C-alpha atoms as a PDB file:
ATOM      1  CA  MET A   1    -166.993-143.820 100.537  1.00  0.00           C
ATOM      2  CA  GLN A   2    -170.494-144.761 101.492  1.00  0.00           C
ATOM      3  CA  TYR A   3    -172.297-147.396  99.465  1.00  0.00           C
ATOM      4  CA  LEU A   4    -175.516-145.908  98.144  1.00  0.00           C
ATOM      5  CA  SER A   5    -177.768-148.883  98.811  1.00  0.00           C
ATOM      6  CA  GLY A   6    -181.434-149.193  98.155  1.00  0.00           C
ATOM      7  CA  VAL A   7    -183.840-150.008  95.373  1.00  0.00           C
ATOM      8  CA  PHE A   8    -182.877-148.536  92.006  1.00  0.00           C
ATOM      9  CA  VAL A   9    -185.834-147.066  90.188  1.00  0.00           C
ATOM     10  CA  VAL A  10    -185.038-147.149  86.492  1.00  0.00           C
ATOM     11  CA  LEU A  11    -186.840-144.356  84.671  1.00  0.00           C
ATOM     12  CA  LEU A  12    -187.114-145.075  80.979  1.00  0.00           C
ATOM     13  CA  LEU A  13    -189.593-142.332  80.161  1.00  0.00           C
ATOM     14  CA  CYS A  14    -189.132-140.015  77.221  1.00  0.00           C
ATOM     15  CA  LEU A  15    -185.941-141.614  75.981  1.00  0.00           C
ATOM     16  CA  PRO A  16    -184.864-140.118  72.632  1.00  0.00           C
ATOM     17  CA  TRP A  17    -184.903-143.281  70.551  1.00  0.00           C
ATOM     18  CA  ALA A  18    -185.641-141.396  67.331  1.00  0.00           C
ATOM     19  CA  HIS A  19    -182.304-139.559  67.111  1.00  0.00           C
ATOM     20  CA  ALA A  20    -180.032-140.390  64.211  1.00  0.00           C
ATOM     21  CA  GLU A  21    -176.807-142.361  64.269  1.00  0.00           C
ATOM     22  CA  PRO A  22    -173.881-141.834  61.879  1.00  0.00           C
ATOM     23  CA  GLY A  23    -173.904-143.722  58.598  1.00  0.00           C
ATOM     24  CA  LEU A  24    -170.965-145.430  56.933  1.00  0.00           C
ATOM     25  CA  HIS A  25    -168.762-142.423  57.748  1.00  0.00           C
ATOM     26  CA  TRP A  26    -169.158-139.479  60.077  1.00  0.00           C
ATOM     27  CA  GLN A  27    -170.525-136.249  58.596  1.00  0.00           C
ATOM     28  CA  THR A  28    -169.485-132.784  59.799  1.00  0.00           C
ATOM     29  CA  ALA A  29    -172.072-130.197  60.832  1.00  0.00           C
ATOM     30  CA  ASN A  30    -172.438-127.189  58.517  1.00  0.00           C
ATOM     31  CA  PRO A  31    -171.623-123.961  60.438  1.00  0.00           C
ATOM     32  CA  SER A  32    -173.860-121.940  58.118  1.00  0.00           C
ATOM     33  CA  GLU A  33    -176.820-124.070  59.239  1.00  0.00           C
ATOM     34  CA  LYS A  34    -175.699-124.353  62.865  1.00  0.00           C
ATOM     35  CA  PRO A  35    -173.762-121.154  63.651  1.00  0.00           C
ATOM     36  CA  TRP A  36    -173.360-122.126  67.311  1.00  0.00           C
ATOM     37  CA  THR A  37    -170.875-124.814  66.256  1.00  0.00           C
ATOM     38  CA  ALA A  38    -168.237-122.225  65.262  1.00  0.00           C
ATOM     39  CA  ALA A  39    -167.514-121.227  68.853  1.00  0.00           C
ATOM     40  CA  ILE A  40    -167.258-124.869  69.884  1.00  0.00           C
ATOM     41  CA  SER A  41    -164.836-125.637  67.044  1.00  0.00           C
ATOM     42  CA  GLN A  42    -162.636-122.748  68.135  1.00  0.00           C
ATOM     43  CA  GLU A  43    -162.774-123.878  71.777  1.00  0.00           C
ATOM     44  CA  VAL A  44    -161.820-127.444  70.862  1.00  0.00           C
ATOM     45  CA  GLN A  45    -158.942-126.324  68.655  1.00  0.00           C
ATOM     46  CA  GLN A  46    -157.548-124.068  71.366  1.00  0.00           C
ATOM     47  CA  PHE A  47    -157.759-126.967  73.822  1.00  0.00           C
ATOM     48  CA  ALA A  48    -156.005-129.290  71.365  1.00  0.00           C
ATOM     49  CA  ASP A  49    -153.245-126.764  70.712  1.00  0.00           C
ATOM     50  CA  ALA A  50    -152.580-126.464  74.449  1.00  0.00           C
ATOM     51  CA  GLN A  51    -153.017-130.107  75.580  1.00  0.00           C
ATOM     52  CA  LYS A  52    -151.839-131.966  72.438  1.00  0.00           C
ATOM     53  CA  PRO A  53    -154.107-135.022  72.406  1.00  0.00           C
ATOM     54  CA  THR A  54    -153.783-137.476  69.549  1.00  0.00           C
ATOM     55  CA  ALA A  55    -157.413-136.852  68.640  1.00  0.00           C
ATOM     56  CA  ILE A  56    -160.435-135.098  70.045  1.00  0.00           C
ATOM     57  CA  MET A  57    -163.927-134.966  68.603  1.00  0.00           C
ATOM     58  CA  VAL A  58    -167.297-133.660  69.700  1.00  0.00           C
ATOM     59  CA  VAL A  59    -170.412-135.154  68.149  1.00  0.00           C
ATOM     60  CA  ARG A  60    -174.093-134.437  68.472  1.00  0.00           C
ATOM     61  CA  ASP A  61    -176.117-137.453  67.423  1.00  0.00           C
ATOM     62  CA  ASP A  62    -174.922-138.235  63.877  1.00  0.00           C
ATOM     63  CA  GLU A  63    -172.695-135.224  63.177  1.00  0.00           C
ATOM     64  CA  ILE A  64    -169.201-134.093  64.133  1.00  0.00           C
ATOM     65  CA  ILE A  65    -169.482-130.656  65.710  1.00  0.00           C
ATOM     66  CA  ALA A  66    -165.732-130.197  66.172  1.00  0.00           C
ATOM     67  CA  SER A  67    -162.575-132.272  65.879  1.00  0.00           C
ATOM     68  CA  SER A  68    -158.806-132.024  65.939  1.00  0.00           C
ATOM     69  CA  GLY A  69    -156.021-134.509  65.269  1.00  0.00           C
ATOM     70  CA  ASP A  70    -156.215-137.933  63.658  1.00  0.00           C
ATOM     71  CA  ILE A  71    -159.616-139.361  64.578  1.00  0.00           C
ATOM     72  CA  GLY A  72    -158.756-142.627  62.799  1.00  0.00           C
ATOM     73  CA  ALA A  73    -155.543-143.272  64.769  1.00  0.00           C
ATOM     74  CA  LYS A  74    -155.737-146.339  67.013  1.00  0.00           C
ATOM     75  CA  VAL A  75    -154.461-145.757  70.554  1.00  0.00           C
ATOM     76  CA  ASN A  76    -154.258-147.876  73.704  1.00  0.00           C
ATOM     77  CA  ILE A  77    -157.437-146.725  75.431  1.00  0.00           C
ATOM     78  CA  ARG A  78    -156.297-147.943  78.876  1.00  0.00           C
ATOM     79  CA  SER A  79    -159.164-148.173  81.376  1.00  0.00           C
ATOM     80  CA  GLU A  80    -161.827-147.174  78.869  1.00  0.00           C
ATOM     81  CA  ARG A  81    -161.722-150.920  78.180  1.00  0.00           C
ATOM     82  CA  LYS A  82    -163.781-151.467  81.312  1.00  0.00           C
ATOM     83  CA  SER A  83    -166.820-149.651  79.955  1.00  0.00           C
ATOM     84  CA  LEU A  84    -166.582-151.756  76.785  1.00  0.00           C
ATOM     85  CA  ILE A  85    -166.753-155.005  78.737  1.00  0.00           C
ATOM     86  CA  SER A  86    -169.597-153.559  80.804  1.00  0.00           C
ATOM     87  CA  ALA A  87    -171.621-153.481  77.578  1.00  0.00           C
ATOM     88  CA  LEU A  88    -170.740-157.128  76.890  1.00  0.00           C
ATOM     89  CA  TYR A  89    -171.842-158.027  80.416  1.00  0.00           C
ATOM     90  CA  GLY A  90    -175.177-156.328  79.814  1.00  0.00           C
ATOM     91  CA  LEU A  91    -175.771-158.698  76.909  1.00  0.00           C
ATOM     92  CA  ALA A  92    -174.534-161.775  78.808  1.00  0.00           C
ATOM     93  CA  VAL A  93    -176.722-161.046  81.823  1.00  0.00           C
ATOM     94  CA  GLU A  94    -179.790-160.403  79.662  1.00  0.00           C
ATOM     95  CA  GLU A  95    -179.265-163.730  77.907  1.00  0.00           C
ATOM     96  CA  GLY A  96    -178.834-165.629  81.176  1.00  0.00           C
ATOM     97  CA  ARG A  97    -175.220-166.533  80.400  1.00  0.00           C
ATOM     98  CA  ILE A  98    -173.862-164.753  83.496  1.00  0.00           C
ATOM     99  CA  ASN A  99    -175.631-164.280  86.839  1.00  0.00           C
ATOM    100  CA  LEU A 100    -174.758-161.078  88.701  1.00  0.00           C
ATOM    101  CA  ASP A 101    -175.243-162.837  92.038  1.00  0.00           C
ATOM    102  CA  SER A 102    -172.855-165.716  91.289  1.00  0.00           C
ATOM    103  CA  THR A 103    -169.916-165.815  93.681  1.00  0.00           C
ATOM    104  CA  LEU A 104    -166.262-166.307  92.840  1.00  0.00           C
ATOM    105  CA  ALA A 105    -166.437-169.681  94.592  1.00  0.00           C
ATOM    106  CA  GLU A 106    -169.366-170.782  92.413  1.00  0.00           C
ATOM    107  CA  LEU A 107    -167.473-169.683  89.304  1.00  0.00           C
ATOM    108  CA  ALA A 108    -164.236-171.411  90.410  1.00  0.00           C
ATOM    109  CA  ILE A 109    -162.344-168.099  90.330  1.00  0.00           C
ATOM    110  CA  ASP A 110    -159.122-168.097  92.352  1.00  0.00           C
ATOM    111  CA  ASP A 111    -155.668-166.568  91.902  1.00  0.00           C
ATOM    112  CA  ARG A 112    -151.970-167.228  92.220  1.00  0.00           C
ATOM    113  CA  PRO A 113    -149.331-167.028  93.516  1.00  0.00           C
ATOM    114  CA  ASP A 114    -151.505-166.220  96.550  1.00  0.00           C
ATOM    115  CA  ALA A 115    -154.861-167.981  96.694  1.00  0.00           C
ATOM    116  CA  LEU A 116    -158.075-166.179  97.629  1.00  0.00           C
ATOM    117  CA  SER A 117    -159.515-166.625 101.101  1.00  0.00           C
ATOM    118  CA  PRO A 118    -162.957-168.182 101.670  1.00  0.00           C
ATOM    119  CA  THR A 119    -164.316-164.722 102.493  1.00  0.00           C
ATOM    120  CA  GLU A 120    -162.890-163.207  99.301  1.00  0.00           C
ATOM    121  CA  LYS A 121    -164.517-165.983  97.304  1.00  0.00           C
ATOM    122  CA  THR A 122    -167.951-164.844  98.501  1.00  0.00           C
ATOM    123  CA  ALA A 123    -167.637-161.721  96.314  1.00  0.00           C
ATOM    124  CA  THR A 124    -170.227-161.621  93.521  1.00  0.00           C
ATOM    125  CA  VAL A 125    -170.040-160.617  89.866  1.00  0.00           C
ATOM    126  CA  ARG A 126    -172.141-157.555  90.694  1.00  0.00           C
ATOM    127  CA  GLN A 127    -169.613-156.486  93.326  1.00  0.00           C
ATOM    128  CA  LEU A 128    -166.774-156.829  90.821  1.00  0.00           C
ATOM    129  CA  LEU A 129    -168.675-154.631  88.354  1.00  0.00           C
ATOM    130  CA  MET A 130    -169.050-152.035  91.109  1.00  0.00           C
ATOM    131  CA  ALA A 131    -165.377-152.283  92.208  1.00  0.00           C
ATOM    132  CA  ARG A 132    -166.550-153.558  95.605  1.00  0.00           C
ATOM    133  CA  SER A 133    -165.206-157.117  95.680  1.00  0.00           C
ATOM    134  CA  GLY A 134    -163.039-156.754  98.778  1.00  0.00           C
ATOM    135  CA  VAL A 135    -160.334-158.757  96.971  1.00  0.00           C
ATOM    136  CA  TYR A 136    -157.082-156.827  97.322  1.00  0.00           C
ATOM    137  CA  HIS A 137    -154.792-159.263  95.555  1.00  0.00           C
ATOM    138  CA  LEU A 138    -152.031-157.926  93.311  1.00  0.00           C
ATOM    139  CA  ALA A 139    -153.355-157.274  89.801  1.00  0.00           C
ATOM    140  CA  ALA A 140    -152.012-156.945  86.280  1.00  0.00           C
ATOM    141  CA  TYR A 141    -151.803-153.594  84.496  1.00  0.00           C
ATOM    142  CA  GLU A 142    -152.066-151.414  87.586  1.00  0.00           C
ATOM    143  CA  THR A 143    -151.058-147.758  87.802  1.00  0.00           C
ATOM    144  CA  PRO A 144    -148.812-146.596  90.672  1.00  0.00           C
ATOM    145  CA  ARG A 145    -151.827-144.853  92.220  1.00  0.00           C
ATOM    146  CA  MET A 146    -153.816-148.088  92.276  1.00  0.00           C
ATOM    147  CA  ARG A 147    -150.967-149.840  94.060  1.00  0.00           C
ATOM    148  CA  ASP A 148    -150.574-146.998  96.552  1.00  0.00           C
ATOM    149  CA  LEU A 149    -154.270-146.922  97.449  1.00  0.00           C
ATOM    150  CA  ARG A 150    -154.875-150.688  97.597  1.00  0.00           C
ATOM    151  CA  PRO A 151    -156.207-151.725 101.025  1.00  0.00           C
ATOM    152  CA  ALA A 152    -154.686-154.626 102.927  1.00  0.00           C
ATOM    153  CA  ARG A 153    -155.969-158.126 102.175  1.00  0.00           C
ATOM    154  CA  GLY A 154    -159.025-158.879 104.277  1.00  0.00           C
ATOM    155  CA  SER A 155    -159.497-155.295 105.466  1.00  0.00           C
ATOM    156  CA  HIS A 156    -163.011-154.903 103.980  1.00  0.00           C
ATOM    157  CA  PRO A 157    -165.587-157.650 103.398  1.00  0.00           C
ATOM    158  CA  PRO A 158    -167.072-157.967  99.893  1.00  0.00           C
ATOM    159  CA  GLY A 159    -169.587-155.242  99.058  1.00  0.00           C
ATOM    160  CA  SER A 160    -168.647-152.882 101.870  1.00  0.00           C
ATOM    161  CA  PHE A 161    -165.996-150.608 100.326  1.00  0.00           C
ATOM    162  CA  TRP A 162    -165.355-148.969  96.943  1.00  0.00           C
ATOM    163  CA  TYR A 163    -161.801-149.144  95.617  1.00  0.00           C
ATOM    164  CA  TYR A 164    -160.895-148.728  91.943  1.00  0.00           C
ATOM    165  CA  ASN A 165    -159.505-152.205  91.617  1.00  0.00           C
ATOM    166  CA  ASN A 166    -157.858-153.733  88.561  1.00  0.00           C
ATOM    167  CA  TRP A 167    -158.195-157.154  90.168  1.00  0.00           C
ATOM    168  CA  ASP A 168    -161.976-156.850  89.905  1.00  0.00           C
ATOM    169  CA  PHE A 169    -161.831-155.643  86.316  1.00  0.00           C
ATOM    170  CA  ASN A 170    -159.385-158.295  85.141  1.00  0.00           C
ATOM    171  CA  ALA A 171    -161.268-161.102  86.885  1.00  0.00           C
ATOM    172  CA  LEU A 172    -164.383-159.953  85.025  1.00  0.00           C
ATOM    173  CA  GLY A 173    -162.463-160.629  81.826  1.00  0.00           C
ATOM    174  CA  THR A 174    -161.668-164.155  83.011  1.00  0.00           C
ATOM    175  CA  ILE A 175    -165.292-164.798  83.975  1.00  0.00           C
ATOM    176  CA  TYR A 176    -166.469-163.550  80.586  1.00  0.00           C
ATOM    177  CA  ARG A 177    -164.003-165.738  78.702  1.00  0.00           C
ATOM    178  CA  GLN A 178    -164.922-168.902  80.596  1.00  0.00           C
ATOM    179  CA  SER A 179    -168.643-168.170  80.124  1.00  0.00           C
ATOM    180  CA  LEU A 180    -168.813-166.825  76.551  1.00  0.00           C
ATOM    181  CA  GLY A 181    -165.371-166.861  74.931  1.00  0.00           C
ATOM    182  CA  ASP A 182    -162.880-164.279  73.706  1.00  0.00           C
ATOM    183  CA  VAL A 183    -163.580-160.692  74.809  1.00  0.00           C
ATOM    184  CA  PHE A 184    -162.272-159.091  71.599  1.00  0.00           C
ATOM    185  CA  LYS A 185    -164.116-161.416  69.238  1.00  0.00           C
ATOM    186  CA  SER A 186    -167.325-160.827  71.160  1.00  0.00           C
ATOM    187  CA  PHE A 187    -166.848-157.067  71.033  1.00  0.00           C
ATOM    188  CA  GLU A 188    -166.185-157.126  67.302  1.00  0.00           C
ATOM    189  CA  THR A 189    -169.148-159.379  66.528  1.00  0.00           C
ATOM    190  CA  ARG A 190    -171.730-158.007  68.921  1.00  0.00           C
ATOM    191  CA  ILE A 191    -170.861-154.303  69.110  1.00  0.00           C
ATOM    192  CA  ALA A 192    -168.236-153.064  66.626  1.00  0.00           C
ATOM    193  CA  ARG A 193    -169.801-154.540  63.477  1.00  0.00           C
ATOM    194  CA  PRO A 194    -173.426-153.594  64.273  1.00  0.00           C
ATOM    195  CA  LEU A 195    -172.268-150.019  65.004  1.00  0.00           C
ATOM    196  CA  GLY A 196    -170.345-149.815  61.742  1.00  0.00           C
ATOM    197  CA  MET A 197    -167.007-149.102  63.420  1.00  0.00           C
ATOM    198  CA  GLU A 198    -164.480-148.172  60.743  1.00  0.00           C
ATOM    199  CA  ASP A 199    -161.240-149.269  62.383  1.00  0.00           C
ATOM    200  CA  PHE A 200    -161.591-151.917  65.108  1.00  0.00           C
ATOM    201  CA  SER A 201    -160.908-155.612  64.594  1.00  0.00           C
ATOM    202  CA  THR A 202    -159.955-158.422  66.957  1.00  0.00           C
ATOM    203  CA  LYS A 203    -156.257-157.901  66.234  1.00  0.00           C
ATOM    204  CA  ASP A 204    -156.534-154.559  68.053  1.00  0.00           C
ATOM    205  CA  GLY A 205    -156.905-156.342  71.389  1.00  0.00           C
ATOM    206  CA  HIS A 206    -154.520-158.425  73.453  1.00  0.00           C
ATOM    207  CA  TYR A 207    -154.306-159.965  76.908  1.00  0.00           C
ATOM    208  CA  GLN A 208    -151.663-158.411  79.160  1.00  0.00           C
ATOM    209  CA  LYS A 209    -150.291-161.099  81.490  1.00  0.00           C
ATOM    210  CA  GLU A 210    -148.155-160.465  84.560  1.00  0.00           C
ATOM    211  CA  ASP A 211    -146.681-162.695  87.257  1.00  0.00           C
ATOM    212  CA  SER A 212    -148.626-160.867  89.982  1.00  0.00           C
ATOM    213  CA  SER A 213    -151.953-162.523  89.097  1.00  0.00           C
ATOM    214  CA  SER A 214    -153.439-165.273  86.969  1.00  0.00           C
ATOM    215  CA  HIS A 215    -156.000-162.842  85.539  1.00  0.00           C
ATOM    216  CA  PRO A 216    -154.667-160.841  82.550  1.00  0.00           C
ATOM    217  CA  ALA A 217    -155.873-157.410  81.551  1.00  0.00           C
ATOM    218  CA  TYR A 218    -157.773-157.163  78.248  1.00  0.00           C
ATOM    219  CA  VAL A 219    -156.187-154.248  76.361  1.00  0.00           C
ATOM    220  CA  PHE A 220    -157.960-152.445  73.497  1.00  0.00           C
ATOM    221  CA  HIS A 221    -156.487-150.161  70.830  1.00  0.00           C
ATOM    222  CA  MET A 222    -159.211-148.043  69.241  1.00  0.00           C
ATOM    223  CA  SER A 223    -159.818-144.878  67.235  1.00  0.00           C
ATOM    224  CA  ALA A 224    -161.683-141.784  68.363  1.00  0.00           C
ATOM    225  CA  ARG A 225    -164.263-142.105  65.601  1.00  0.00           C
ATOM    226  CA  ASP A 226    -165.067-145.696  66.614  1.00  0.00           C
ATOM    227  CA  LEU A 227    -165.366-144.772  70.284  1.00  0.00           C
ATOM    228  CA  ALA A 228    -167.689-141.930  69.324  1.00  0.00           C
ATOM    229  CA  ARG A 229    -170.069-144.525  67.895  1.00  0.00           C
ATOM    230  CA  PHE A 230    -169.933-146.400  71.193  1.00  0.00           C
ATOM    231  CA  GLY A 231    -170.724-143.149  72.997  1.00  0.00           C
ATOM    232  CA  VAL A 232    -173.710-142.475  70.728  1.00  0.00           C
ATOM    233  CA  LEU A 233    -174.949-146.031  71.362  1.00  0.00           C
ATOM    234  CA  TYR A 234    -175.078-145.242  75.085  1.00  0.00           C
ATOM    235  CA  LEU A 235    -176.467-141.772  74.433  1.00  0.00           C
ATOM    236  CA  ASN A 236    -179.388-143.526  72.703  1.00  0.00           C
ATOM    237  CA  GLY A 237    -179.960-145.939  75.576  1.00  0.00           C
ATOM    238  CA  GLY A 238    -178.307-148.904  73.830  1.00  0.00           C
ATOM    239  CA  ARG A 239    -180.360-148.544  70.642  1.00  0.00           C
ATOM    240  CA  TRP A 240    -178.872-148.333  67.123  1.00  0.00           C
ATOM    241  CA  ASN A 241    -180.768-147.948  63.853  1.00  0.00           C
ATOM    242  CA  GLY A 242    -183.959-149.287  65.345  1.00  0.00           C
ATOM    243  CA  THR A 243    -182.350-152.265  67.099  1.00  0.00           C
ATOM    244  CA  GLN A 244    -181.828-152.567  70.861  1.00  0.00           C
ATOM    245  CA  LEU A 245    -178.180-153.712  70.928  1.00  0.00           C
ATOM    246  CA  ILE A 246    -177.603-153.244  74.672  1.00  0.00           C
ATOM    247  CA  PRO A 247    -180.565-153.616  77.073  1.00  0.00           C
ATOM    248  CA  ALA A 248    -181.904-150.168  77.954  1.00  0.00           C
ATOM    249  CA  HIS A 249    -182.173-150.981  81.653  1.00  0.00           C
ATOM    250  CA  TRP A 250    -178.519-152.058  81.676  1.00  0.00           C
ATOM    251  CA  VAL A 251    -177.411-148.782  80.085  1.00  0.00           C
ATOM    252  CA  THR A 252    -179.366-146.847  82.686  1.00  0.00           C
ATOM    253  CA  GLU A 253    -178.231-148.831  85.720  1.00  0.00           C
ATOM    254  CA  SER A 254    -174.588-149.152  84.689  1.00  0.00           C
ATOM    255  CA  THR A 255    -174.284-145.376  84.160  1.00  0.00           C
ATOM    256  CA  THR A 256    -176.038-144.508  87.438  1.00  0.00           C
ATOM    257  CA  ARG A 257    -174.021-143.403  90.458  1.00  0.00           C
ATOM    258  CA  LEU A 258    -174.015-146.539  92.614  1.00  0.00           C
ATOM    259  CA  SER A 259    -170.954-145.664  94.703  1.00  0.00           C
ATOM    260  CA  ASP A 260    -169.266-142.527  95.957  1.00  0.00           C
ATOM    261  CA  THR A 261    -165.589-142.032  95.087  1.00  0.00           C
ATOM    262  CA  GLU A 262    -162.746-139.883  96.383  1.00  0.00           C
ATOM    263  CA  GLN A 263    -164.102-136.838  94.510  1.00  0.00           C
ATOM    264  CA  PRO A 264    -167.604-135.614  95.426  1.00  0.00           C
ATOM    265  CA  GLU A 265    -168.599-134.761  91.853  1.00  0.00           C
ATOM    266  CA  ARG A 266    -167.641-138.211  90.534  1.00  0.00           C
ATOM    267  CA  GLY A 267    -169.442-141.476  91.171  1.00  0.00           C
ATOM    268  CA  TYR A 268    -169.172-145.036  89.877  1.00  0.00           C
ATOM    269  CA  GLY A 269    -171.695-147.432  88.350  1.00  0.00           C
ATOM    270  CA  TYR A 270    -170.954-150.719  86.583  1.00  0.00           C
ATOM    271  CA  LEU A 271    -167.534-149.891  85.081  1.00  0.00           C
ATOM    272  CA  TRP A 272    -168.719-146.383  84.127  1.00  0.00           C
ATOM    273  CA  TRP A 273    -167.970-143.111  85.922  1.00  0.00           C
ATOM    274  CA  THR A 274    -170.594-140.438  86.560  1.00  0.00           C
ATOM    275  CA  TYR A 275    -169.972-136.703  86.791  1.00  0.00           C
ATOM    276  CA  THR A 276    -172.152-133.894  88.129  1.00  0.00           C
ATOM    277  CA  LYS A 277    -170.737-130.398  88.494  1.00  0.00           C
ATOM    278  CA  GLY A 278    -172.356-127.111  89.398  1.00  0.00           C
ATOM    279  CA  SER A 279    -175.958-125.970  89.512  1.00  0.00           C
ATOM    280  CA  PRO A 280    -177.433-126.449  86.992  1.00  0.00           C
ATOM    281  CA  GLY A 281    -173.992-127.275  85.562  1.00  0.00           C
ATOM    282  CA  VAL A 282    -173.344-130.450  83.593  1.00  0.00           C
ATOM    283  CA  SER A 283    -174.410-134.035  84.259  1.00  0.00           C
ATOM    284  CA  ALA A 284    -172.557-136.739  82.335  1.00  0.00           C
ATOM    285  CA  PHE A 285    -171.245-140.282  82.413  1.00  0.00           C
ATOM    286  CA  LEU A 286    -167.884-141.341  81.090  1.00  0.00           C
ATOM    287  CA  ALA A 287    -165.463-144.085  80.196  1.00  0.00           C
ATOM    288  CA  ASN A 288    -162.111-142.941  81.557  1.00  0.00           C
ATOM    289  CA  GLY A 289    -158.591-144.237  80.933  1.00  0.00           C
ATOM    290  CA  TYR A 290    -155.180-143.234  82.232  1.00  0.00           C
ATOM    291  CA  GLY A 291    -153.516-140.289  80.499  1.00  0.00           C
ATOM    292  CA  GLY A 292    -156.573-138.707  78.912  1.00  0.00           C
ATOM    293  CA  GLN A 293    -158.518-141.512  77.243  1.00  0.00           C
ATOM    294  CA  LEU A 294    -162.155-140.441  77.513  1.00  0.00           C
ATOM    295  CA  VAL A 295    -165.644-140.950  76.170  1.00  0.00           C
ATOM    296  CA  VAL A 296    -167.942-138.388  77.838  1.00  0.00           C
ATOM    297  CA  VAL A 297    -171.711-138.539  77.264  1.00  0.00           C
ATOM    298  CA  VAL A 298    -173.934-135.546  78.106  1.00  0.00           C
ATOM    299  CA  PRO A 299    -177.512-136.769  77.589  1.00  0.00           C
ATOM    300  CA  SER A 300    -179.236-133.411  78.153  1.00  0.00           C
ATOM    301  CA  LYS A 301    -177.325-131.841  75.249  1.00  0.00           C
ATOM    302  CA  ARG A 302    -177.166-134.950  73.011  1.00  0.00           C
ATOM    303  CA  LEU A 303    -173.379-134.635  73.098  1.00  0.00           C
ATOM    304  CA  VAL A 304    -170.499-137.108  73.070  1.00  0.00           C
ATOM    305  CA  LEU A 305    -166.885-135.998  73.459  1.00  0.00           C
ATOM    306  CA  VAL A 306    -164.028-138.394  72.753  1.00  0.00           C
ATOM    307  CA  GLU A 307    -160.362-137.769  73.480  1.00  0.00           C
ATOM    308  CA  LEU A 308    -157.410-140.104  72.922  1.00  0.00           C
ATOM    309  CA  VAL A 309    -153.785-139.519  73.866  1.00  0.00           C
ATOM    310  CA  ASP A 310    -150.886-141.639  72.623  1.00  0.00           C
ATOM    311  CA  LEU A 311    -148.672-141.621  75.711  1.00  0.00           C
ATOM    312  CA  ALA A 312    -145.652-142.591  73.610  1.00  0.00           C
ATOM    313  CA  VAL A 313    -145.996-139.198  71.889  1.00  0.00           C
ATOM    314  CA  ASN A 314    -147.360-137.130  74.784  1.00  0.00           C
ATOM    315  CA  PRO A 315    -146.079-138.904  77.917  1.00  0.00           C
ATOM    316  CA  HIS A 316    -147.631-136.363  80.287  1.00  0.00           C
ATOM    317  CA  GLY A 317    -151.095-137.080  78.931  1.00  0.00           C
ATOM    318  CA  VAL A 318    -154.110-134.855  79.593  1.00  0.00           C
ATOM    319  CA  ARG A 319    -155.788-134.561  82.983  1.00  0.00           C
ATOM    320  CA  THR A 320    -159.366-135.784  83.107  1.00  0.00           C
ATOM    321  CA  GLN A 321    -160.556-132.626  84.858  1.00  0.00           C
ATOM    322  CA  HIS A 322    -159.239-130.451  82.021  1.00  0.00           C
ATOM    323  CA  VAL A 323    -161.430-132.416  79.600  1.00  0.00           C
ATOM    324  CA  LEU A 324    -164.453-132.275  81.895  1.00  0.00           C
ATOM    325  CA  ASP A 325    -164.047-128.505  82.192  1.00  0.00           C
ATOM    326  CA  LEU A 326    -164.006-128.344  78.378  1.00  0.00           C
ATOM    327  CA  VAL A 327    -167.211-130.415  78.304  1.00  0.00           C
ATOM    328  CA  SER A 328    -168.858-127.941  80.667  1.00  0.00           C
ATOM    329  CA  ARG A 329    -167.912-124.999  78.461  1.00  0.00           C
ATOM    330  CA  ILE A 330    -169.045-126.757  75.286  1.00  0.00           C
ATOM    331  CA  SER A 331    -172.355-127.798  76.845  1.00  0.00           C
ATOM    332  CA  ALA A 332    -173.121-124.202  77.716  1.00  0.00           C
ATOM    333  CA  SER A 333    -172.798-123.274  74.018  1.00  0.00           C
ATOM    334  CA  VAL A 334    -175.211-125.906  72.747  1.00  0.00           C
ATOM    335  CA  PRO A 335    -178.794-124.709  72.272  1.00  0.00           C
END
């Protein structure tokens, strides 16, 4: 997993700022005006019948192209939460409230029951955002796979190795709270309300505490139609109804492949995944949570796909690759 170092050249040319965003409620595309949507609707429904997500929707700018299930149902979005806090960090960094080069030692970040070593405390906020902290302490809200893959404490110095690490992500929540306040209140005030989200409020978030670490996970419950708005925000480079809500350079850098991962077609930015498959194939970035929680953005086709799966209803979930294969097929049908 080689770190792709170097100078990042942010290209902000020809960004499609003029595209529309949904109004008070989502509108559905008219198949008589856009006949190519019929095949996509059929494809999505067949996928939903086979995989049984709670909700799935495909939008292009301000219109629903296809949907199935209850798009207003609020579901635990699992690790999609990380891309949400990435947006909050973009605002905090732009405003000078958080410095990406601050170290854990400078921020007085430690842990218990086992304290961090002096070397671990040299990790920076930027390295946490990239999942490169080198801190392999036990963490709250981990999956079995995370625990199985966790390196030994002290095995890699900060910045040198990518590991999908809930310790990094949870500590980012702690840093945000001590710098700016409650994560969920900030998200509601600074993102959900400006986007006109129909369902989210602060009561849909909670902090998941465990004895393994002093840093709780920040857990969101959200609807597909609200997450679609978040996807369109990023599709439009952080701009919404003429206002730059998230800095454009942050959207670009955070959704750029900054690290390689275990799978060649997938990379990692600042709490966002990237995906490139085939030639020409599809190029996308995504928020990805355990069990099939996904927001996939395909800039070249102006598409956002959202899937949510209530694991209490469908405990097997939906594999991420199945959804990404669907995205590839849908993208090929869009003019």
